[in-house]
Amino acid sequence: MKIGIIYSTSKKSTKKACKILASKINTDVQLIPIEKAKTTCILKYNFIIFIASAYNGKFQSSLKRYIIRNIKTIKEKPIALVINSEENINTEDIFNKIFTEELVNSSCINSNFGYELNINEGNFFEKIKTKNKIKNKENLTSLNIDEINKFSDYINNLIEKRVD
């Protein structure tokens, strides 16, 4: 089985989560940044995982456009959906905004991997906000490794059950 992870990110946290996830899946996994994703990416893989970063309810529209352009092809594949976002948000709303309600309902599994704050990322104002949060020890965040492990276990179970 070949799995493609198509992801969009403005921060390195999502790419890091993708790498951690890929290392835990027991099959051939290819990471594909949304900037390099083409329709053929969907056709080449048996299973597609879409991962989007969402911060303060905002996300990159490039992934949404890609999904809309390729919706018919995507619906023919088994998929899983992930967001990297703060944990105190309405994840259902974010999933529906990014991936569409139809895809959310048809996906095998949906998850929120959380996100990390990095004082070296973002524009000037984002860096100041991050430094202040760290300094005040408020809302410190990190990737949710337990959630990544649960997600990869689910995918590995699907792989084991699959009959070619």
N, C-alpha and C. Protein backbone atom coordinates (compact mmCIF):
# COMPACT_ATOMS: atom_id res chain seq x y z
N MET A 1 0.85 -1.18 0.00
CA MET A 1 0.00 0.00 0.00
C MET A 1 0.89 1.24 0.00
N LYS A 2 0.49 2.22 -0.77
CA LYS A 2 1.21 3.49 -0.82
C LYS A 2 0.29 4.59 -0.28
N ILE A 3 0.84 5.38 0.63
CA ILE A 3 0.07 6.46 1.25
C ILE A 3 0.72 7.80 0.89
N GLY A 4 -0.11 8.73 0.48
CA GLY A 4 0.34 10.09 0.22
C GLY A 4 -0.19 11.01 1.31
N ILE A 5 0.70 11.80 1.89
CA ILE A 5 0.29 12.82 2.86
C ILE A 5 0.44 14.17 2.18
N ILE A 6 -0.68 14.77 1.86
CA ILE A 6 -0.69 16.09 1.22
C ILE A 6 -0.97 17.11 2.32
N TYR A 7 -0.04 18.05 2.48
CA TYR A 7 -0.17 18.98 3.61
C TYR A 7 0.05 20.42 3.19
N SER A 8 -0.56 21.30 3.98
CA SER A 8 -0.34 22.74 3.79
C SER A 8 0.06 23.30 5.15
N THR A 9 0.99 24.23 5.11
CA THR A 9 1.46 24.81 6.36
C THR A 9 2.09 26.17 6.13
N SER A 10 1.95 27.00 7.12
CA SER A 10 2.69 28.27 7.10
C SER A 10 3.75 28.23 8.20
N LYS A 11 3.68 27.23 9.02
CA LYS A 11 4.64 27.05 10.11
C LYS A 11 5.28 25.67 9.98
N LYS A 12 6.42 25.49 10.59
CA LYS A 12 7.13 24.22 10.48
C LYS A 12 6.49 23.12 11.33
N SER A 13 5.61 23.48 12.22
CA SER A 13 4.98 22.52 13.12
C SER A 13 4.22 21.44 12.35
N THR A 14 3.50 21.82 11.30
CA THR A 14 2.72 20.85 10.53
C THR A 14 3.63 19.90 9.78
N LYS A 15 4.69 20.41 9.19
CA LYS A 15 5.63 19.53 8.49
C LYS A 15 6.27 18.56 9.48
N LYS A 16 6.58 19.04 10.67
CA LYS A 16 7.15 18.17 11.71
C LYS A 16 6.15 17.07 12.06
N ALA A 17 4.88 17.43 12.22
CA ALA A 17 3.85 16.43 12.53
C ALA A 17 3.74 15.40 11.40
N CYS A 18 3.84 15.86 10.15
CA CYS A 18 3.79 14.95 9.00
C CYS A 18 4.94 13.95 9.05
N LYS A 19 6.13 14.44 9.36
CA LYS A 19 7.30 13.57 9.43
C LYS A 19 7.16 12.55 10.55
N ILE A 20 6.67 12.98 11.70
CA ILE A 20 6.48 12.06 12.82
C ILE A 20 5.46 10.99 12.42
N LEU A 21 4.34 11.42 11.84
CA LEU A 21 3.31 10.47 11.42
C LEU A 21 3.86 9.48 10.40
N ALA A 22 4.56 9.97 9.39
CA ALA A 22 5.11 9.10 8.34
C ALA A 22 6.05 8.06 8.93
N SER A 23 6.82 8.44 9.93
CA SER A 23 7.76 7.50 10.54
C SER A 23 7.06 6.39 11.32
N LYS A 24 5.81 6.61 11.69
CA LYS A 24 5.07 5.64 12.49
C LYS A 24 4.16 4.74 11.65
N ILE A 25 4.03 5.04 10.37
CA ILE A 25 3.17 4.23 9.50
C ILE A 25 4.00 3.15 8.83
N ASN A 26 3.48 1.93 8.86
CA ASN A 26 4.22 0.75 8.40
C ASN A 26 4.03 0.45 6.92
N THR A 27 4.25 1.43 6.08
CA THR A 27 4.19 1.23 4.64
C THR A 27 4.90 2.40 3.96
N ASP A 28 4.89 2.39 2.65
CA ASP A 28 5.51 3.45 1.85
C ASP A 28 4.68 4.73 1.98
N VAL A 29 5.29 5.78 2.54
CA VAL A 29 4.59 7.06 2.75
C VAL A 29 5.38 8.17 2.06
N GLN A 30 4.66 9.01 1.33
CA GLN A 30 5.29 10.14 0.64
C GLN A 30 4.67 11.43 1.16
N LEU A 31 5.51 12.37 1.61
CA LEU A 31 5.04 13.70 2.03
C LEU A 31 5.00 14.62 0.81
N ILE A 32 3.86 15.28 0.63
CA ILE A 32 3.69 16.14 -0.54
C ILE A 32 3.19 17.51 -0.08
N PRO A 33 4.06 18.53 -0.13
CA PRO A 33 3.58 19.88 0.22
C PRO A 33 2.55 20.33 -0.82
N ILE A 34 1.55 21.05 -0.39
CA ILE A 34 0.46 21.45 -1.28
C ILE A 34 0.96 22.19 -2.51
N GLU A 35 2.07 22.91 -2.38
CA GLU A 35 2.61 23.65 -3.51
C GLU A 35 3.07 22.72 -4.65
N LYS A 36 3.37 21.48 -4.32
CA LYS A 36 3.84 20.51 -5.32
C LYS A 36 2.79 19.46 -5.67
N ALA A 37 1.64 19.54 -5.05
CA ALA A 37 0.60 18.52 -5.26
C ALA A 37 -0.10 18.74 -6.60
N LYS A 38 -0.29 17.65 -7.30
CA LYS A 38 -1.00 17.65 -8.58
C LYS A 38 -2.09 16.59 -8.50
N THR A 39 -2.98 16.56 -9.46
CA THR A 39 -4.03 15.54 -9.49
C THR A 39 -3.43 14.15 -9.50
N THR A 40 -2.30 13.99 -10.17
CA THR A 40 -1.67 12.66 -10.24
C THR A 40 -1.23 12.17 -8.86
N CYS A 41 -1.02 13.08 -7.93
CA CYS A 41 -0.66 12.67 -6.57
C CYS A 41 -1.76 11.81 -5.96
N ILE A 42 -2.99 12.14 -6.25
CA ILE A 42 -4.11 11.38 -5.72
C ILE A 42 -4.17 10.00 -6.39
N LEU A 43 -3.91 9.98 -7.67
CA LEU A 43 -4.02 8.73 -8.44
C LEU A 43 -2.91 7.74 -8.09
N LYS A 44 -1.74 8.22 -7.69
CA LYS A 44 -0.58 7.36 -7.42
C LYS A 44 -0.68 6.57 -6.13
N TYR A 45 -1.56 7.00 -5.22
CA TYR A 45 -1.58 6.42 -3.88
C TYR A 45 -2.88 5.68 -3.61
N ASN A 46 -2.77 4.65 -2.76
CA ASN A 46 -3.95 3.87 -2.37
C ASN A 46 -4.76 4.57 -1.29
N PHE A 47 -4.09 5.45 -0.54
CA PHE A 47 -4.73 6.12 0.59
C PHE A 47 -4.12 7.51 0.68
N ILE A 48 -4.98 8.50 0.94
CA ILE A 48 -4.51 9.89 1.02
C ILE A 48 -4.83 10.45 2.40
N ILE A 49 -3.84 11.11 3.00
CA ILE A 49 -4.04 11.83 4.25
C ILE A 49 -3.83 13.31 3.95
N PHE A 50 -4.84 14.12 4.25
CA PHE A 50 -4.72 15.56 4.09
C PHE A 50 -4.48 16.18 5.47
N ILE A 51 -3.44 17.02 5.55
CA ILE A 51 -3.11 17.68 6.81
C ILE A 51 -3.02 19.19 6.58
N ALA A 52 -3.76 19.94 7.38
CA ALA A 52 -3.77 21.40 7.23
C ALA A 52 -3.47 22.06 8.57
N SER A 53 -2.68 23.10 8.51
CA SER A 53 -2.48 23.89 9.73
C SER A 53 -3.61 24.92 9.80
N ALA A 54 -4.10 25.12 11.00
CA ALA A 54 -5.15 26.12 11.23
C ALA A 54 -4.79 26.84 12.52
N TYR A 55 -4.62 28.12 12.44
CA TYR A 55 -4.24 28.90 13.61
C TYR A 55 -5.25 30.02 13.79
N ASN A 56 -5.84 30.10 14.96
CA ASN A 56 -6.89 31.09 15.24
C ASN A 56 -8.04 30.99 14.22
N GLY A 57 -8.35 29.77 13.79
CA GLY A 57 -9.44 29.55 12.85
C GLY A 57 -9.09 29.86 11.41
N LYS A 58 -7.84 30.26 11.14
CA LYS A 58 -7.43 30.59 9.78
C LYS A 58 -6.57 29.45 9.22
N PHE A 59 -6.65 29.26 7.91
CA PHE A 59 -5.90 28.19 7.26
C PHE A 59 -5.51 28.63 5.86
N GLN A 60 -4.61 27.87 5.24
CA GLN A 60 -4.18 28.20 3.88
C GLN A 60 -5.26 27.79 2.89
N SER A 61 -5.66 28.72 2.05
CA SER A 61 -6.71 28.44 1.08
C SER A 61 -6.21 27.53 -0.04
N SER A 62 -4.90 27.38 -0.18
CA SER A 62 -4.36 26.55 -1.27
C SER A 62 -4.83 25.10 -1.15
N LEU A 63 -4.92 24.56 0.06
CA LEU A 63 -5.39 23.19 0.24
C LEU A 63 -6.87 23.09 -0.10
N LYS A 64 -7.65 24.04 0.34
CA LYS A 64 -9.09 24.05 0.02
C LYS A 64 -9.30 24.09 -1.49
N ARG A 65 -8.55 24.94 -2.20
CA ARG A 65 -8.67 25.02 -3.66
C ARG A 65 -8.29 23.69 -4.31
N TYR A 66 -7.23 23.06 -3.82
CA TYR A 66 -6.79 21.77 -4.35
C TYR A 66 -7.90 20.72 -4.18
N ILE A 67 -8.50 20.70 -3.02
CA ILE A 67 -9.57 19.72 -2.75
C ILE A 67 -10.77 19.98 -3.66
N ILE A 68 -11.17 21.22 -3.80
CA ILE A 68 -12.32 21.55 -4.66
C ILE A 68 -12.04 21.16 -6.11
N ARG A 69 -10.82 21.45 -6.60
CA ARG A 69 -10.45 21.11 -7.98
C ARG A 69 -10.45 19.60 -8.22
N ASN A 70 -10.13 18.83 -7.19
CA ASN A 70 -9.94 17.39 -7.35
C ASN A 70 -10.96 16.55 -6.59
N ILE A 71 -12.09 17.12 -6.26
CA ILE A 71 -13.06 16.46 -5.38
C ILE A 71 -13.52 15.11 -5.94
N LYS A 72 -13.76 15.01 -7.22
CA LYS A 72 -14.25 13.74 -7.80
C LYS A 72 -13.22 12.64 -7.63
N THR A 73 -11.97 12.94 -7.87
CA THR A 73 -10.89 11.95 -7.74
C THR A 73 -10.69 11.60 -6.27
N ILE A 74 -10.74 12.59 -5.41
CA ILE A 74 -10.54 12.36 -3.98
C ILE A 74 -11.63 11.44 -3.43
N LYS A 75 -12.87 11.64 -3.87
CA LYS A 75 -13.99 10.84 -3.36
C LYS A 75 -13.86 9.36 -3.74
N GLU A 76 -13.02 9.05 -4.70
CA GLU A 76 -12.83 7.66 -5.12
C GLU A 76 -11.78 6.94 -4.27
N LYS A 77 -11.12 7.66 -3.38
CA LYS A 77 -10.04 7.10 -2.56
C LYS A 77 -10.42 7.10 -1.09
N PRO A 78 -9.87 6.14 -0.34
CA PRO A 78 -10.00 6.26 1.11
C PRO A 78 -9.10 7.40 1.59
N ILE A 79 -9.63 8.21 2.50
CA ILE A 79 -8.88 9.38 2.97
C ILE A 79 -8.96 9.48 4.49
N ALA A 80 -8.03 10.25 5.03
CA ALA A 80 -8.03 10.63 6.44
C ALA A 80 -7.71 12.12 6.49
N LEU A 81 -8.22 12.81 7.50
CA LEU A 81 -8.06 14.25 7.59
C LEU A 81 -7.47 14.65 8.94
N VAL A 82 -6.55 15.62 8.89
CA VAL A 82 -5.88 16.09 10.10
C VAL A 82 -5.78 17.60 10.04
N ILE A 83 -5.95 18.21 11.20
CA ILE A 83 -5.59 19.62 11.33
C ILE A 83 -4.54 19.73 12.42
N ASN A 84 -3.70 20.72 12.28
CA ASN A 84 -2.77 21.12 13.34
C ASN A 84 -3.31 22.44 13.85
N SER A 85 -3.87 22.42 15.04
CA SER A 85 -4.52 23.61 15.55
C SER A 85 -4.55 23.58 17.07
N GLU A 86 -4.85 24.72 17.66
CA GLU A 86 -5.01 24.76 19.10
C GLU A 86 -6.16 23.82 19.47
N GLU A 87 -6.10 23.29 20.68
CA GLU A 87 -7.04 22.25 21.06
C GLU A 87 -8.35 22.78 21.62
N ASN A 88 -8.44 24.06 21.89
CA ASN A 88 -9.65 24.60 22.50
C ASN A 88 -10.58 25.24 21.47
N ILE A 89 -10.55 24.76 20.24
CA ILE A 89 -11.39 25.33 19.19
C ILE A 89 -12.47 24.32 18.80
N ASN A 90 -13.44 24.79 18.03
CA ASN A 90 -14.46 23.91 17.49
C ASN A 90 -13.87 23.21 16.27
N THR A 91 -13.31 22.03 16.49
CA THR A 91 -12.63 21.33 15.40
C THR A 91 -13.58 20.93 14.28
N GLU A 92 -14.81 20.59 14.62
CA GLU A 92 -15.78 20.20 13.58
C GLU A 92 -15.97 21.34 12.58
N ASP A 93 -16.09 22.55 13.08
CA ASP A 93 -16.26 23.72 12.23
C ASP A 93 -15.04 23.92 11.33
N ILE A 94 -13.84 23.81 11.90
CA ILE A 94 -12.60 23.98 11.12
C ILE A 94 -12.49 22.88 10.06
N PHE A 95 -12.76 21.63 10.43
CA PHE A 95 -12.72 20.53 9.46
C PHE A 95 -13.66 20.81 8.29
N ASN A 96 -14.89 21.23 8.58
CA ASN A 96 -15.86 21.49 7.52
C ASN A 96 -15.46 22.66 6.63
N LYS A 97 -14.84 23.68 7.22
CA LYS A 97 -14.39 24.84 6.43
C LYS A 97 -13.25 24.45 5.48
N ILE A 98 -12.31 23.67 5.98
CA ILE A 98 -11.14 23.33 5.17
C ILE A 98 -11.47 22.22 4.17
N PHE A 99 -12.08 21.14 4.65
CA PHE A 99 -12.18 19.93 3.83
C PHE A 99 -13.55 19.70 3.22
N THR A 100 -14.55 20.41 3.57
CA THR A 100 -15.96 20.26 3.20
C THR A 100 -16.61 19.18 4.06
N GLU A 101 -17.86 19.39 4.36
CA GLU A 101 -18.59 18.46 5.22
C GLU A 101 -18.67 17.07 4.60
N GLU A 102 -18.83 17.02 3.28
CA GLU A 102 -18.91 15.74 2.57
C GLU A 102 -17.66 14.89 2.78
N LEU A 103 -16.48 15.50 2.64
CA LEU A 103 -15.24 14.75 2.84
C LEU A 103 -15.04 14.38 4.30
N VAL A 104 -15.40 15.27 5.20
CA VAL A 104 -15.27 14.98 6.63
C VAL A 104 -16.09 13.74 6.97
N ASN A 105 -17.31 13.69 6.46
CA ASN A 105 -18.19 12.56 6.75
C ASN A 105 -17.74 11.26 6.09
N SER A 106 -17.01 11.36 4.98
CA SER A 106 -16.59 10.14 4.28
C SER A 106 -15.17 9.69 4.66
N SER A 107 -14.47 10.47 5.46
CA SER A 107 -13.10 10.11 5.81
C SER A 107 -13.08 8.97 6.83
N CYS A 108 -12.02 8.20 6.80
CA CYS A 108 -11.87 7.08 7.73
C CYS A 108 -11.64 7.55 9.16
N ILE A 109 -10.87 8.61 9.31
CA ILE A 109 -10.54 9.14 10.63
C ILE A 109 -10.19 10.61 10.50
N ASN A 110 -10.54 11.38 11.52
CA ASN A 110 -10.20 12.81 11.59
C ASN A 110 -9.48 13.05 12.91
N SER A 111 -8.52 13.95 12.89
CA SER A 111 -7.77 14.19 14.11
C SER A 111 -7.20 15.61 14.14
N ASN A 112 -6.93 16.07 15.35
CA ASN A 112 -6.24 17.34 15.57
C ASN A 112 -4.93 17.02 16.29
N PHE A 113 -3.80 17.28 15.64
CA PHE A 113 -2.49 16.96 16.21
C PHE A 113 -1.94 18.08 17.09
N GLY A 114 -2.69 19.17 17.27
CA GLY A 114 -2.16 20.29 18.04
C GLY A 114 -1.12 21.05 17.22
N TYR A 115 -0.39 21.92 17.85
CA TYR A 115 0.67 22.66 17.16
C TYR A 115 1.70 23.14 18.17
N GLU A 116 2.83 23.54 17.64
CA GLU A 116 3.91 24.04 18.49
C GLU A 116 4.11 25.52 18.24
N LEU A 117 4.49 26.21 19.29
CA LEU A 117 4.90 27.60 19.15
C LEU A 117 6.41 27.62 18.95
N ASN A 118 6.86 28.44 18.01
CA ASN A 118 8.28 28.57 17.75
C ASN A 118 8.60 30.05 17.61
N ILE A 119 9.46 30.55 18.46
CA ILE A 119 9.76 31.99 18.44
C ILE A 119 10.51 32.43 17.20
N ASN A 120 10.98 31.50 16.39
CA ASN A 120 11.70 31.85 15.17
C ASN A 120 10.82 31.84 13.93
N GLU A 121 9.53 31.60 14.10
CA GLU A 121 8.61 31.55 12.95
C GLU A 121 7.63 32.70 12.98
N GLY A 122 7.14 33.04 11.81
CA GLY A 122 6.11 34.07 11.68
C GLY A 122 6.70 35.44 11.43
N ASN A 123 5.80 36.40 11.25
CA ASN A 123 6.24 37.77 11.03
C ASN A 123 6.63 38.40 12.37
N PHE A 124 7.04 39.62 12.34
CA PHE A 124 7.54 40.32 13.53
C PHE A 124 6.54 40.27 14.68
N PHE A 125 5.26 40.56 14.39
CA PHE A 125 4.25 40.60 15.44
C PHE A 125 3.96 39.20 16.00
N GLU A 126 3.95 38.20 15.13
CA GLU A 126 3.73 36.82 15.60
C GLU A 126 4.86 36.37 16.52
N LYS A 127 6.09 36.76 16.17
CA LYS A 127 7.24 36.40 17.01
C LYS A 127 7.13 37.04 18.39
N ILE A 128 6.71 38.29 18.44
CA ILE A 128 6.54 38.99 19.73
C ILE A 128 5.45 38.31 20.55
N LYS A 129 4.32 37.98 19.92
CA LYS A 129 3.23 37.30 20.63
C LYS A 129 3.71 35.97 21.20
N THR A 130 4.45 35.22 20.40
CA THR A 130 4.95 33.91 20.83
C THR A 130 5.91 34.08 22.00
N LYS A 131 6.83 35.04 21.89
CA LYS A 131 7.78 35.28 22.99
C LYS A 131 7.04 35.64 24.27
N ASN A 132 6.00 36.47 24.16
CA ASN A 132 5.23 36.86 25.34
C ASN A 132 4.49 35.68 25.95
N LYS A 133 3.93 34.82 25.11
CA LYS A 133 3.23 33.63 25.63
C LYS A 133 4.20 32.72 26.37
N ILE A 134 5.37 32.54 25.80
CA ILE A 134 6.37 31.68 26.44
C ILE A 134 6.84 32.32 27.75
N LYS A 135 7.09 33.61 27.69
CA LYS A 135 7.55 34.34 28.89
C LYS A 135 6.52 34.27 30.01
N ASN A 136 5.23 34.41 29.65
CA ASN A 136 4.16 34.39 30.65
C ASN A 136 3.64 32.98 30.94
N LYS A 137 4.24 32.00 30.28
CA LYS A 137 3.83 30.59 30.44
C LYS A 137 2.34 30.40 30.21
N GLU A 138 1.81 31.15 29.26
CA GLU A 138 0.37 31.09 28.98
C GLU A 138 0.16 30.36 27.66
N ASN A 139 -0.81 29.49 27.63
CA ASN A 139 -1.19 28.77 26.42
C ASN A 139 -0.01 28.12 25.71
N LEU A 140 0.92 27.58 26.47
CA LEU A 140 2.03 26.89 25.83
C LEU A 140 1.49 25.64 25.15
N THR A 141 1.91 25.42 23.94
CA THR A 141 1.36 24.32 23.16
C THR A 141 2.47 23.43 22.65
N SER A 142 2.09 22.24 22.30
CA SER A 142 3.02 21.32 21.68
C SER A 142 2.22 20.34 20.85
N LEU A 143 2.91 19.65 19.96
CA LEU A 143 2.23 18.62 19.18
C LEU A 143 1.71 17.55 20.13
N ASN A 144 0.55 17.03 19.81
CA ASN A 144 -0.07 16.01 20.64
C ASN A 144 0.40 14.63 20.14
N ILE A 145 1.50 14.16 20.70
CA ILE A 145 2.10 12.90 20.26
C ILE A 145 1.15 11.73 20.50
N ASP A 146 0.39 11.77 21.58
CA ASP A 146 -0.58 10.69 21.83
C ASP A 146 -1.59 10.60 20.69
N GLU A 147 -2.05 11.75 20.21
CA GLU A 147 -3.02 11.77 19.11
C GLU A 147 -2.38 11.26 17.81
N ILE A 148 -1.13 11.64 17.56
CA ILE A 148 -0.42 11.14 16.39
C ILE A 148 -0.26 9.63 16.49
N ASN A 149 0.04 9.12 17.67
CA ASN A 149 0.18 7.68 17.86
C ASN A 149 -1.15 6.95 17.62
N LYS A 150 -2.25 7.48 18.15
CA LYS A 150 -3.56 6.87 17.93
C LYS A 150 -3.90 6.84 16.44
N PHE A 151 -3.62 7.95 15.77
CA PHE A 151 -3.90 8.07 14.35
C PHE A 151 -3.08 7.05 13.56
N SER A 152 -1.78 6.97 13.84
CA SER A 152 -0.92 6.03 13.11
C SER A 152 -1.31 4.58 13.42
N ASP A 153 -1.72 4.28 14.65
CA ASP A 153 -2.19 2.94 14.98
C ASP A 153 -3.42 2.58 14.15
N TYR A 154 -4.33 3.53 14.01
CA TYR A 154 -5.54 3.30 13.21
C TYR A 154 -5.15 3.01 11.75
N ILE A 155 -4.26 3.82 11.20
CA ILE A 155 -3.83 3.63 9.80
C ILE A 155 -3.12 2.28 9.66
N ASN A 156 -2.25 1.94 10.60
CA ASN A 156 -1.55 0.65 10.54
C ASN A 156 -2.52 -0.52 10.62
N ASN A 157 -3.59 -0.40 11.41
CA ASN A 157 -4.62 -1.44 11.44
C ASN A 157 -5.31 -1.58 10.09
N LEU A 158 -5.58 -0.45 9.43
CA LEU A 158 -6.17 -0.50 8.09
C LEU A 158 -5.24 -1.22 7.11
N ILE A 159 -3.95 -0.92 7.22
CA ILE A 159 -2.96 -1.54 6.33
C ILE A 159 -2.94 -3.06 6.55
N GLU A 160 -2.94 -3.48 7.80
CA GLU A 160 -2.91 -4.92 8.12
C GLU A 160 -4.15 -5.64 7.60
N LYS A 161 -5.30 -4.99 7.64
CA LYS A 161 -6.55 -5.62 7.21
C LYS A 161 -6.72 -5.62 5.69
N ARG A 162 -5.98 -4.78 5.02
CA ARG A 162 -6.14 -4.62 3.57
C ARG A 162 -5.69 -5.86 2.83
N VAL A 163 -6.50 -6.25 1.86
CA VAL A 163 -6.17 -7.37 1.00
C VAL A 163 -6.02 -6.83 -0.41
N ASP A 164 -4.85 -7.00 -0.99
CA ASP A 164 -4.63 -6.50 -2.36
C ASP A 164 -5.21 -7.43 -3.40
